[in-house]
Amino acid sequence: MEVGDKLERVCADLNAAIEQARSEGYRLDVIYPADDPHEAILSGPGGTLRLTTNPGAPRPSDHLPPFQPEYVLTRASGDGGAGRAGMLYRDLIPSRLGGRYIASHIRVPGGGPVADWVHYHRIGFQMIAVRSGWVRVVYEGQGEPFVMRVGDVVLQPPGIRHRVLDSGDDLEVVEIGAPALHETFADHELVLPTGLYEPLRDFGGQQFLRHIAAETPWTALGGGEAQQTAMRAATGGLADVRILRGNVDLPGHGGELVFGFVLSGSALLKHGDLTPIGPADAFVIPPNEAWSIAEALGDFRLLQVTTAKLATFA
């Protein structure tokens, strides 16, 4: 079917349709969303081809959707659904806070090479933290490929080209991005690594950040301890990320997102009532509302992510 200047095919299985199009000489240019892809755009001998399993679904916008704050508690569950590049995605904020944010608990089953390609995203904010295992990645202008391990964090600034190369058989990461619905673009020309090391390069007003947990001390925070990252500086004040341990009292945050993910151990989350939380549980606290962690047990570790009020994205 012709849609404007594009050929559109409605399909039942997007991955199968992409492989069929590739056999016809097409190449993948864009896919979205990453956690449950339903649309892909390819280019080839017939021009532009759009593949979709859901032709009526909303498409990515040039504008951030309005932020809709709410309290969210998401319990640990199964492996999640199939996402981009064979990864398994579990949704940690089902409401997406009005479409403003997406948070995913991602597993890569089996280990070994990952079926990824050089790509980038049109986003305002995106970060990844390792919960378990290891993963080898490479980023544009950041030197040779490197390995991320438990507690490590990277900021993927807008437009930076990158690729996941391979992983251990127990890899789990947490990925947070804004807006929730955004495209993944293939870069067919760039080869990574580029041979350049440009740690201060600007990408859409942000700088790449690699936080290494093993090299970061614990410091006092709110009655407990934290491993701080340089996320605030790298994002120009847009976001902050830390790992917490022990019992911690935190004041309300005046920005937008207040997100927590239990990396290990168990505790009680105090936000009004006392709520037990354990490994792989996640929560969101509305802005300006205080919360705390009590009775932390079993080497409790919590990933905490906060953001300022987002205005736009690249």
C-alpha atoms as a PDB file:
ATOM      1  CA  MET A   1       0.000   0.000   0.000  1.00  0.00           C
ATOM      2  CA  GLU A   2       1.294   3.494  -0.864  1.00  0.00           C
ATOM      3  CA  VAL A   3       1.264   6.022   2.015  1.00  0.00           C
ATOM      4  CA  GLY A   4       2.437   9.398   0.724  1.00  0.00           C
ATOM      5  CA  ASP A   5       5.854   8.774  -0.814  1.00  0.00           C
ATOM      6  CA  LYS A   6       6.358   5.562   1.188  1.00  0.00           C
ATOM      7  CA  LEU A   7       5.397   1.976   0.573  1.00  0.00           C
ATOM      8  CA  GLU A   8       3.752   0.497   3.660  1.00  0.00           C
ATOM      9  CA  ARG A   9       3.379  -3.167   4.566  1.00  0.00           C
ATOM     10  CA  VAL A  10       1.262  -4.253   7.504  1.00  0.00           C
ATOM     11  CA  CYS A  11       2.709  -7.432   8.989  1.00  0.00           C
ATOM     12  CA  ALA A  12       2.121  -9.814  11.876  1.00  0.00           C
ATOM     13  CA  ASP A  13       5.808 -10.365  12.758  1.00  0.00           C
ATOM     14  CA  LEU A  14       8.045  -7.302  12.446  1.00  0.00           C
ATOM     15  CA  ASN A  15      11.349  -9.189  12.687  1.00  0.00           C
ATOM     16  CA  ALA A  16      10.310 -11.619   9.962  1.00  0.00           C
ATOM     17  CA  ALA A  17       9.147  -8.744   7.771  1.00  0.00           C
ATOM     18  CA  ILE A  18      12.480  -6.944   8.244  1.00  0.00           C
ATOM     19  CA  GLU A  19      14.397 -10.078   7.204  1.00  0.00           C
ATOM     20  CA  GLN A  20      12.151 -10.484   4.158  1.00  0.00           C
ATOM     21  CA  ALA A  21      12.764  -6.860   3.157  1.00  0.00           C
ATOM     22  CA  ARG A  22      16.496  -7.323   3.588  1.00  0.00           C
ATOM     23  CA  SER A  23      16.390 -10.271   1.230  1.00  0.00           C
ATOM     24  CA  GLU A  24      14.828  -7.882  -1.306  1.00  0.00           C
ATOM     25  CA  GLY A  25      17.742  -5.446  -0.995  1.00  0.00           C
ATOM     26  CA  TYR A  26      16.414  -3.106   1.688  1.00  0.00           C
ATOM     27  CA  ARG A  27      18.349  -1.935   4.745  1.00  0.00           C
ATOM     28  CA  LEU A  28      16.973  -0.945   8.134  1.00  0.00           C
ATOM     29  CA  ASP A  29      17.138   2.801   8.859  1.00  0.00           C
ATOM     30  CA  VAL A  30      14.747   3.404  11.784  1.00  0.00           C
ATOM     31  CA  ILE A  31      12.922   1.230  14.326  1.00  0.00           C
ATOM     32  CA  TYR A  32      10.699   2.029  17.317  1.00  0.00           C
ATOM     33  CA  PRO A  33       9.898   1.628  20.103  1.00  0.00           C
ATOM     34  CA  ALA A  34      12.947  -0.256  21.410  1.00  0.00           C
ATOM     35  CA  ASP A  35      11.083  -2.195  24.107  1.00  0.00           C
ATOM     36  CA  ASP A  36       8.372  -3.606  21.817  1.00  0.00           C
ATOM     37  CA  PRO A  37       9.072  -2.611  18.199  1.00  0.00           C
ATOM     38  CA  HIS A  38       6.010  -2.247  16.010  1.00  0.00           C
ATOM     39  CA  GLU A  39       7.356  -0.050  13.221  1.00  0.00           C
ATOM     40  CA  ALA A  40      10.471   0.012  11.038  1.00  0.00           C
ATOM     41  CA  ILE A  41      11.527   2.192   8.123  1.00  0.00           C
ATOM     42  CA  LEU A  42      13.859   0.780   5.488  1.00  0.00           C
ATOM     43  CA  SER A  43      15.381   2.072   2.257  1.00  0.00           C
ATOM     44  CA  GLY A  44      16.087   0.064  -0.868  1.00  0.00           C
ATOM     45  CA  PRO A  45      15.372  -0.521  -4.523  1.00  0.00           C
ATOM     46  CA  GLY A  46      11.724   0.513  -4.188  1.00  0.00           C
ATOM     47  CA  GLY A  47      12.481   3.690  -2.245  1.00  0.00           C
ATOM     48  CA  THR A  48      11.279   3.990   1.349  1.00  0.00           C
ATOM     49  CA  LEU A  49       9.469   1.036   2.918  1.00  0.00           C
ATOM     50  CA  ARG A  50       7.515   1.276   6.170  1.00  0.00           C
ATOM     51  CA  LEU A  51       6.784  -1.968   8.017  1.00  0.00           C
ATOM     52  CA  THR A  52       4.252  -1.942  10.823  1.00  0.00           C
ATOM     53  CA  THR A  53       2.383  -4.387  13.011  1.00  0.00           C
ATOM     54  CA  ASN A  54       0.169  -1.603  14.346  1.00  0.00           C
ATOM     55  CA  PRO A  55      -0.671   0.963  11.651  1.00  0.00           C
ATOM     56  CA  GLY A  56      -2.837   3.016  13.986  1.00  0.00           C
ATOM     57  CA  ALA A  57      -0.232   3.414  16.733  1.00  0.00           C
ATOM     58  CA  PRO A  58       1.096   6.886  17.612  1.00  0.00           C
ATOM     59  CA  ARG A  59       4.366   7.879  15.992  1.00  0.00           C
ATOM     60  CA  PRO A  60       7.235   9.736  17.676  1.00  0.00           C
ATOM     61  CA  SER A  61       6.648  13.457  18.045  1.00  0.00           C
ATOM     62  CA  ASP A  62       8.942  16.452  17.805  1.00  0.00           C
ATOM     63  CA  HIS A  63       7.584  17.637  21.152  1.00  0.00           C
ATOM     64  CA  LEU A  64       7.779  16.257  24.672  1.00  0.00           C
ATOM     65  CA  PRO A  65       4.392  15.076  25.952  1.00  0.00           C
ATOM     66  CA  PRO A  66       3.090  16.761  29.123  1.00  0.00           C
ATOM     67  CA  PHE A  67       4.509  15.298  32.339  1.00  0.00           C
ATOM     68  CA  GLN A  68       1.875  13.467  34.412  1.00  0.00           C
ATOM     69  CA  PRO A  69       3.274  12.715  37.878  1.00  0.00           C
ATOM     70  CA  GLU A  70       2.064   9.770  39.943  1.00  0.00           C
ATOM     71  CA  TYR A  71       3.268   7.272  42.517  1.00  0.00           C
ATOM     72  CA  VAL A  72       4.302   3.998  40.840  1.00  0.00           C
ATOM     73  CA  LEU A  73       5.358   0.677  42.356  1.00  0.00           C
ATOM     74  CA  THR A  74       6.346  -2.089  39.917  1.00  0.00           C
ATOM     75  CA  ARG A  75       7.124  -5.513  41.316  1.00  0.00           C
ATOM     76  CA  ALA A  76       9.774  -7.859  39.929  1.00  0.00           C
ATOM     77  CA  SER A  77       8.351 -10.289  37.407  1.00  0.00           C
ATOM     78  CA  GLY A  78       9.436 -12.458  34.479  1.00  0.00           C
ATOM     79  CA  ASP A  79      11.982 -11.845  31.752  1.00  0.00           C
ATOM     80  CA  GLY A  80       9.874  -9.327  29.833  1.00  0.00           C
ATOM     81  CA  GLY A  81       8.937  -9.111  26.181  1.00  0.00           C
ATOM     82  CA  ALA A  82      11.103  -9.254  23.075  1.00  0.00           C
ATOM     83  CA  GLY A  83      12.610  -5.927  22.133  1.00  0.00           C
ATOM     84  CA  ARG A  84      15.202  -4.538  19.742  1.00  0.00           C
ATOM     85  CA  ALA A  85      18.304  -6.639  18.890  1.00  0.00           C
ATOM     86  CA  GLY A  86      17.002  -9.728  20.698  1.00  0.00           C
ATOM     87  CA  MET A  87      16.943  -8.087  24.127  1.00  0.00           C
ATOM     88  CA  LEU A  88      14.176  -8.744  26.671  1.00  0.00           C
ATOM     89  CA  TYR A  89      12.504  -5.626  28.070  1.00  0.00           C
ATOM     90  CA  ARG A  90      10.421  -5.351  31.268  1.00  0.00           C
ATOM     91  CA  ASP A  91       8.457  -2.122  31.634  1.00  0.00           C
ATOM     92  CA  LEU A  92       9.136  -0.375  34.958  1.00  0.00           C
ATOM     93  CA  ILE A  93       6.792   2.615  34.457  1.00  0.00           C
ATOM     94  CA  PRO A  94       3.686   1.265  32.684  1.00  0.00           C
ATOM     95  CA  SER A  95       1.964   4.683  32.576  1.00  0.00           C
ATOM     96  CA  ARG A  96       5.128   6.295  31.125  1.00  0.00           C
ATOM     97  CA  LEU A  97       4.122   9.341  33.238  1.00  0.00           C
ATOM     98  CA  GLY A  98       2.076  10.661  30.349  1.00  0.00           C
ATOM     99  CA  GLY A  99       4.590   9.505  27.748  1.00  0.00           C
ATOM    100  CA  ARG A 100       7.389  11.581  29.253  1.00  0.00           C
ATOM    101  CA  TYR A 101       9.642   8.764  30.539  1.00  0.00           C
ATOM    102  CA  ILE A 102      10.369   5.128  29.870  1.00  0.00           C
ATOM    103  CA  ALA A 103      12.277   2.859  32.261  1.00  0.00           C
ATOM    104  CA  SER A 104      13.162  -0.704  31.294  1.00  0.00           C
ATOM    105  CA  HIS A 105      14.756  -3.663  33.042  1.00  0.00           C
ATOM    106  CA  ILE A 106      16.635  -5.297  30.160  1.00  0.00           C
ATOM    107  CA  ARG A 107      18.075  -8.803  29.990  1.00  0.00           C
ATOM    108  CA  VAL A 108      20.260 -10.247  27.247  1.00  0.00           C
ATOM    109  CA  PRO A 109      19.755 -14.038  27.299  1.00  0.00           C
ATOM    110  CA  GLY A 110      22.567 -16.459  26.632  1.00  0.00           C
ATOM    111  CA  GLY A 111      25.551 -14.149  26.511  1.00  0.00           C
ATOM    112  CA  GLY A 112      28.040 -13.827  23.663  1.00  0.00           C
ATOM    113  CA  PRO A 113      27.760 -11.472  20.660  1.00  0.00           C
ATOM    114  CA  VAL A 114      24.724  -9.162  20.667  1.00  0.00           C
ATOM    115  CA  ALA A 115      22.827  -8.652  17.399  1.00  0.00           C
ATOM    116  CA  ASP A 116      23.248  -4.900  17.540  1.00  0.00           C
ATOM    117  CA  TRP A 117      24.420  -2.329  14.979  1.00  0.00           C
ATOM    118  CA  VAL A 118      25.802   1.215  15.070  1.00  0.00           C
ATOM    119  CA  HIS A 119      22.853   3.397  16.008  1.00  0.00           C
ATOM    120  CA  TYR A 120      21.690   6.524  17.817  1.00  0.00           C
ATOM    121  CA  HIS A 121      18.529   7.904  19.399  1.00  0.00           C
ATOM    122  CA  ARG A 122      16.558  11.136  19.175  1.00  0.00           C
ATOM    123  CA  ILE A 123      16.083  11.713  22.878  1.00  0.00           C
ATOM    124  CA  GLY A 124      16.395  14.313  25.617  1.00  0.00           C
ATOM    125  CA  PHE A 125      17.857  12.001  28.233  1.00  0.00           C
ATOM    126  CA  GLN A 126      19.037   8.389  28.260  1.00  0.00           C
ATOM    127  CA  MET A 127      21.169   6.432  30.724  1.00  0.00           C
ATOM    128  CA  ILE A 128      22.041   2.814  31.398  1.00  0.00           C
ATOM    129  CA  ALA A 129      23.094   1.166  34.684  1.00  0.00           C
ATOM    130  CA  VAL A 130      24.331  -2.422  35.035  1.00  0.00           C
ATOM    131  CA  ARG A 131      22.535  -4.554  37.612  1.00  0.00           C
ATOM    132  CA  SER A 132      24.350  -7.851  37.021  1.00  0.00           C
ATOM    133  CA  GLY A 133      26.879  -9.410  34.680  1.00  0.00           C
ATOM    134  CA  TRP A 134      28.950  -7.472  32.175  1.00  0.00           C
ATOM    135  CA  VAL A 135      28.579  -5.938  28.731  1.00  0.00           C
ATOM    136  CA  ARG A 136      31.117  -4.635  26.199  1.00  0.00           C
ATOM    137  CA  VAL A 137      30.092  -1.454  24.404  1.00  0.00           C
ATOM    138  CA  VAL A 138      31.618   1.161  22.122  1.00  0.00           C
ATOM    139  CA  TYR A 139      30.739   4.853  21.759  1.00  0.00           C
ATOM    140  CA  GLU A 140      31.501   7.499  19.169  1.00  0.00           C
ATOM    141  CA  GLY A 141      34.559   9.555  20.086  1.00  0.00           C
ATOM    142  CA  GLN A 142      35.155   7.688  23.370  1.00  0.00           C
ATOM    143  CA  GLY A 143      38.123   5.539  22.417  1.00  0.00           C
ATOM    144  CA  GLU A 144      38.222   1.760  22.292  1.00  0.00           C
ATOM    145  CA  PRO A 145      35.366  -0.548  23.378  1.00  0.00           C
ATOM    146  CA  PHE A 146      35.088  -1.008  27.134  1.00  0.00           C
ATOM    147  CA  VAL A 147      33.361  -3.332  29.587  1.00  0.00           C
ATOM    148  CA  MET A 148      30.629  -2.187  31.969  1.00  0.00           C
ATOM    149  CA  ARG A 149      30.190  -4.132  35.197  1.00  0.00           C
ATOM    150  CA  VAL A 150      27.824  -4.127  38.186  1.00  0.00           C
ATOM    151  CA  GLY A 151      27.037  -0.597  39.344  1.00  0.00           C
ATOM    152  CA  ASP A 152      28.575   1.080  36.300  1.00  0.00           C
ATOM    153  CA  VAL A 153      26.542   3.796  34.566  1.00  0.00           C
ATOM    154  CA  VAL A 154      26.740   5.524  31.197  1.00  0.00           C
ATOM    155  CA  LEU A 155      24.986   8.608  29.927  1.00  0.00           C
ATOM    156  CA  GLN A 156      24.065   8.289  26.247  1.00  0.00           C
ATOM    157  CA  PRO A 157      23.701  11.925  25.175  1.00  0.00           C
ATOM    158  CA  PRO A 158      21.451  12.851  22.250  1.00  0.00           C
ATOM    159  CA  GLY A 159      22.718  11.603  18.906  1.00  0.00           C
ATOM    160  CA  ILE A 160      25.841   9.780  20.088  1.00  0.00           C
ATOM    161  CA  ARG A 161      26.530   6.730  17.912  1.00  0.00           C
ATOM    162  CA  HIS A 162      27.058   3.530  19.857  1.00  0.00           C
ATOM    163  CA  ARG A 163      26.805  -0.236  19.734  1.00  0.00           C
ATOM    164  CA  VAL A 164      26.464  -3.156  22.146  1.00  0.00           C
ATOM    165  CA  LEU A 165      29.083  -5.751  21.171  1.00  0.00           C
ATOM    166  CA  ASP A 166      28.813  -8.737  23.529  1.00  0.00           C
ATOM    167  CA  SER A 167      27.863  -9.693  27.066  1.00  0.00           C
ATOM    168  CA  GLY A 168      28.061 -12.291  29.799  1.00  0.00           C
ATOM    169  CA  ASP A 169      25.245 -14.796  30.185  1.00  0.00           C
ATOM    170  CA  ASP A 170      23.693 -12.996  33.184  1.00  0.00           C
ATOM    171  CA  LEU A 171      23.553  -9.426  31.901  1.00  0.00           C
ATOM    172  CA  GLU A 172      20.837  -7.177  33.324  1.00  0.00           C
ATOM    173  CA  VAL A 173      20.685  -3.418  32.898  1.00  0.00           C
ATOM    174  CA  VAL A 174      18.269  -0.625  33.711  1.00  0.00           C
ATOM    175  CA  GLU A 175      17.670   1.937  30.968  1.00  0.00           C
ATOM    176  CA  ILE A 176      15.821   5.222  31.442  1.00  0.00           C
ATOM    177  CA  GLY A 177      14.950   7.640  28.654  1.00  0.00           C
ATOM    178  CA  ALA A 178      12.829  10.622  27.711  1.00  0.00           C
ATOM    179  CA  PRO A 179      10.559  10.853  25.857  1.00  0.00           C
ATOM    180  CA  ALA A 180       9.115   7.368  26.241  1.00  0.00           C
ATOM    181  CA  LEU A 181       8.445   6.953  22.506  1.00  0.00           C
ATOM    182  CA  HIS A 182      11.555   7.703  20.468  1.00  0.00           C
ATOM    183  CA  GLU A 183      13.272   6.361  17.371  1.00  0.00           C
ATOM    184  CA  THR A 184      16.423   4.282  17.036  1.00  0.00           C
ATOM    185  CA  PHE A 185      18.313   5.293  13.869  1.00  0.00           C
ATOM    186  CA  ALA A 186      20.898   3.096  12.145  1.00  0.00           C
ATOM    187  CA  ASP A 187      24.146   4.740  11.032  1.00  0.00           C
ATOM    188  CA  HIS A 188      25.304   2.719   8.048  1.00  0.00           C
ATOM    189  CA  GLU A 189      28.428   4.787   7.377  1.00  0.00           C
ATOM    190  CA  LEU A 190      30.184   5.207  10.722  1.00  0.00           C
ATOM    191  CA  VAL A 191      32.562   2.488  11.903  1.00  0.00           C
ATOM    192  CA  LEU A 192      33.146   2.176  15.650  1.00  0.00           C
ATOM    193  CA  PRO A 193      35.541   2.722  17.270  1.00  0.00           C
ATOM    194  CA  THR A 194      36.373   5.943  15.430  1.00  0.00           C
ATOM    195  CA  GLY A 195      39.970   6.079  16.693  1.00  0.00           C
ATOM    196  CA  LEU A 196      39.246   9.385  18.429  1.00  0.00           C
ATOM    197  CA  TYR A 197      39.009  10.201  22.117  1.00  0.00           C
ATOM    198  CA  GLU A 198      36.933  13.350  22.646  1.00  0.00           C
ATOM    199  CA  PRO A 199      35.734  13.279  26.280  1.00  0.00           C
ATOM    200  CA  LEU A 200      34.556  16.915  26.218  1.00  0.00           C
ATOM    201  CA  ARG A 201      32.642  16.697  22.955  1.00  0.00           C
ATOM    202  CA  ASP A 202      29.167  18.211  23.060  1.00  0.00           C
ATOM    203  CA  PHE A 203      26.215  16.057  21.986  1.00  0.00           C
ATOM    204  CA  GLY A 204      23.006  18.073  22.063  1.00  0.00           C
ATOM    205  CA  GLY A 205      24.143  20.041  25.102  1.00  0.00           C
ATOM    206  CA  GLN A 206      25.399  16.974  26.990  1.00  0.00           C
ATOM    207  CA  GLN A 207      28.690  15.097  27.318  1.00  0.00           C
ATOM    208  CA  PHE A 208      29.240  11.350  27.364  1.00  0.00           C
ATOM    209  CA  LEU A 209      29.684   9.958  30.878  1.00  0.00           C
ATOM    210  CA  ARG A 210      31.181   6.649  31.962  1.00  0.00           C
ATOM    211  CA  HIS A 211      30.817   6.065  35.691  1.00  0.00           C
ATOM    212  CA  ILE A 212      32.861   3.177  37.104  1.00  0.00           C
ATOM    213  CA  ALA A 213      31.472   1.899  40.408  1.00  0.00           C
ATOM    214  CA  ALA A 214      34.677   0.119  41.474  1.00  0.00           C
ATOM    215  CA  GLU A 215      36.538   3.446  41.404  1.00  0.00           C
ATOM    216  CA  THR A 216      33.903   5.460  43.297  1.00  0.00           C
ATOM    217  CA  PRO A 217      33.929   5.896  47.096  1.00  0.00           C
ATOM    218  CA  TRP A 218      30.867   5.763  49.301  1.00  0.00           C
ATOM    219  CA  THR A 219      29.963   9.037  50.994  1.00  0.00           C
ATOM    220  CA  ALA A 220      27.386   9.970  53.623  1.00  0.00           C
ATOM    221  CA  LEU A 221      23.895  10.909  52.449  1.00  0.00           C
ATOM    222  CA  GLY A 222      20.644  11.269  54.393  1.00  0.00           C
ATOM    223  CA  GLY A 223      21.696   8.917  57.171  1.00  0.00           C
ATOM    224  CA  GLY A 224      22.950   6.276  54.759  1.00  0.00           C
ATOM    225  CA  GLU A 225      25.581   6.233  52.024  1.00  0.00           C
ATOM    226  CA  ALA A 226      25.778   6.920  48.315  1.00  0.00           C
ATOM    227  CA  GLN A 227      28.052   6.436  45.348  1.00  0.00           C
ATOM    228  CA  GLN A 228      27.659   9.690  43.465  1.00  0.00           C
ATOM    229  CA  THR A 229      28.089  10.051  39.697  1.00  0.00           C
ATOM    230  CA  ALA A 230      29.025  13.069  37.564  1.00  0.00           C
ATOM    231  CA  MET A 231      25.634  12.909  35.803  1.00  0.00           C
ATOM    232  CA  ARG A 232      24.604  16.401  36.870  1.00  0.00           C
ATOM    233  CA  ALA A 233      27.680  17.982  35.279  1.00  0.00           C
ATOM    234  CA  ALA A 234      27.483  15.814  32.139  1.00  0.00           C
ATOM    235  CA  THR A 235      23.836  16.775  31.528  1.00  0.00           C
ATOM    236  CA  GLY A 236      24.182  20.437  32.438  1.00  0.00           C
ATOM    237  CA  GLY A 237      21.967  19.954  35.490  1.00  0.00           C
ATOM    238  CA  LEU A 238      19.284  17.981  33.667  1.00  0.00           C
ATOM    239  CA  ALA A 239      19.651  14.765  35.694  1.00  0.00           C
ATOM    240  CA  ASP A 240      21.332  13.202  38.697  1.00  0.00           C
ATOM    241  CA  VAL A 241      22.110   9.519  39.334  1.00  0.00           C
ATOM    242  CA  ARG A 242      23.481   7.757  42.408  1.00  0.00           C
ATOM    243  CA  ILE A 243      23.582   4.342  44.062  1.00  0.00           C
ATOM    244  CA  LEU A 244      22.245   4.297  47.644  1.00  0.00           C
ATOM    245  CA  ARG A 245      22.832   1.825  50.459  1.00  0.00           C
ATOM    246  CA  GLY A 246      21.571   1.601  54.019  1.00  0.00           C
ATOM    247  CA  ASN A 247      18.689   3.521  55.563  1.00  0.00           C
ATOM    248  CA  VAL A 248      18.256   6.878  53.840  1.00  0.00           C
ATOM    249  CA  ASP A 249      15.882   9.844  54.350  1.00  0.00           C
ATOM    250  CA  LEU A 250      15.427  12.033  51.285  1.00  0.00           C
ATOM    251  CA  PRO A 251      13.513  15.299  50.895  1.00  0.00           C
ATOM    252  CA  GLY A 252      11.085  16.015  48.085  1.00  0.00           C
ATOM    253  CA  HIS A 253      12.582  16.718  44.668  1.00  0.00           C
ATOM    254  CA  GLY A 254      11.421  19.829  42.836  1.00  0.00           C
ATOM    255  CA  GLY A 255      12.029  18.576  39.305  1.00  0.00           C
ATOM    256  CA  GLU A 256      10.168  15.795  37.498  1.00  0.00           C
ATOM    257  CA  LEU A 257      11.339  12.192  37.739  1.00  0.00           C
ATOM    258  CA  VAL A 258      12.178  10.534  41.062  1.00  0.00           C
ATOM    259  CA  PHE A 259      12.922   6.906  40.202  1.00  0.00           C
ATOM    260  CA  GLY A 260      14.260   4.029  42.269  1.00  0.00           C
ATOM    261  CA  PHE A 261      15.249   0.480  41.290  1.00  0.00           C
ATOM    262  CA  VAL A 262      16.363  -2.141  43.812  1.00  0.00           C
ATOM    263  CA  LEU A 263      19.633  -3.594  42.570  1.00  0.00           C
ATOM    264  CA  SER A 264      20.011  -6.003  45.507  1.00  0.00           C
ATOM    265  CA  GLY A 265      18.823  -6.701  49.040  1.00  0.00           C
ATOM    266  CA  SER A 266      15.525  -5.683  50.618  1.00  0.00           C
ATOM    267  CA  ALA A 267      14.114  -2.802  52.646  1.00  0.00           C
ATOM    268  CA  LEU A 268      10.995  -0.837  53.503  1.00  0.00           C
ATOM    269  CA  LEU A 269      10.019   2.096  51.307  1.00  0.00           C
ATOM    270  CA  LYS A 270       8.363   4.832  53.339  1.00  0.00           C
ATOM    271  CA  HIS A 271       6.107   7.047  51.253  1.00  0.00           C
ATOM    272  CA  GLY A 272       3.042   7.449  53.354  1.00  0.00           C
ATOM    273  CA  ASP A 273       2.800   3.774  54.312  1.00  0.00           C
ATOM    274  CA  LEU A 274       5.709   1.361  54.757  1.00  0.00           C
ATOM    275  CA  THR A 275       6.019  -0.904  51.703  1.00  0.00           C
ATOM    276  CA  PRO A 276       8.412  -3.885  51.454  1.00  0.00           C
ATOM    277  CA  ILE A 277      10.669  -3.712  48.388  1.00  0.00           C
ATOM    278  CA  GLY A 278      13.096  -6.314  47.063  1.00  0.00           C
ATOM    279  CA  PRO A 279      15.373  -7.140  44.149  1.00  0.00           C
ATOM    280  CA  ALA A 280      14.240  -5.750  40.770  1.00  0.00           C
ATOM    281  CA  ASP A 281      11.317  -3.803  42.272  1.00  0.00           C
ATOM    282  CA  ALA A 282      11.002  -0.236  40.990  1.00  0.00           C
ATOM    283  CA  PHE A 283       9.142   2.875  42.095  1.00  0.00           C
ATOM    284  CA  VAL A 284       8.456   6.489  41.154  1.00  0.00           C
ATOM    285  CA  ILE A 285       7.817   9.211  43.732  1.00  0.00           C
ATOM    286  CA  PRO A 286       5.859  12.326  42.648  1.00  0.00           C
ATOM    287  CA  PRO A 287       7.740  15.645  42.764  1.00  0.00           C
ATOM    288  CA  ASN A 288       8.086  17.481  46.093  1.00  0.00           C
ATOM    289  CA  GLU A 289       7.157  14.415  48.161  1.00  0.00           C
ATOM    290  CA  ALA A 290       9.634  13.148  50.775  1.00  0.00           C
ATOM    291  CA  TRP A 291      10.476   9.445  51.041  1.00  0.00           C
ATOM    292  CA  SER A 292      12.873   7.206  52.875  1.00  0.00           C
ATOM    293  CA  ILE A 293      14.390   3.729  53.042  1.00  0.00           C
ATOM    294  CA  ALA A 294      14.207   1.809  56.331  1.00  0.00           C
ATOM    295  CA  GLU A 295      15.278  -1.630  57.603  1.00  0.00           C
ATOM    296  CA  ALA A 296      17.695  -2.158  54.705  1.00  0.00           C
ATOM    297  CA  LEU A 297      18.960  -5.755  54.657  1.00  0.00           C
ATOM    298  CA  GLY A 298      21.103  -8.090  52.563  1.00  0.00           C
ATOM    299  CA  ASP A 299      23.601  -5.640  51.041  1.00  0.00           C
ATOM    300  CA  PHE A 300      20.766  -3.369  49.950  1.00  0.00           C
ATOM    301  CA  ARG A 301      21.569  -1.240  46.885  1.00  0.00           C
ATOM    302  CA  LEU A 302      19.182   1.199  45.188  1.00  0.00           C
ATOM    303  CA  LEU A 303      19.635   2.995  41.877  1.00  0.00           C
ATOM    304  CA  GLN A 304      18.191   6.509  42.239  1.00  0.00           C
ATOM    305  CA  VAL A 305      17.569   8.761  39.218  1.00  0.00           C
ATOM    306  CA  THR A 306      16.145  12.270  39.311  1.00  0.00           C
ATOM    307  CA  THR A 307      15.602  14.834  36.566  1.00  0.00           C
ATOM    308  CA  ALA A 308      14.903  18.531  36.346  1.00  0.00           C
ATOM    309  CA  LYS A 309      11.916  19.840  34.402  1.00  0.00           C
ATOM    310  CA  LEU A 310      12.573  18.896  30.782  1.00  0.00           C
ATOM    311  CA  ALA A 311      11.994  21.572  28.168  1.00  0.00           C
ATOM    312  CA  THR A 312      12.896  19.985  24.844  1.00  0.00           C
ATOM    313  CA  PHE A 313      14.903  17.212  23.226  1.00  0.00           C
ATOM    314  CA  ALA A 314      17.306  16.824  20.293  1.00  0.00           C
END
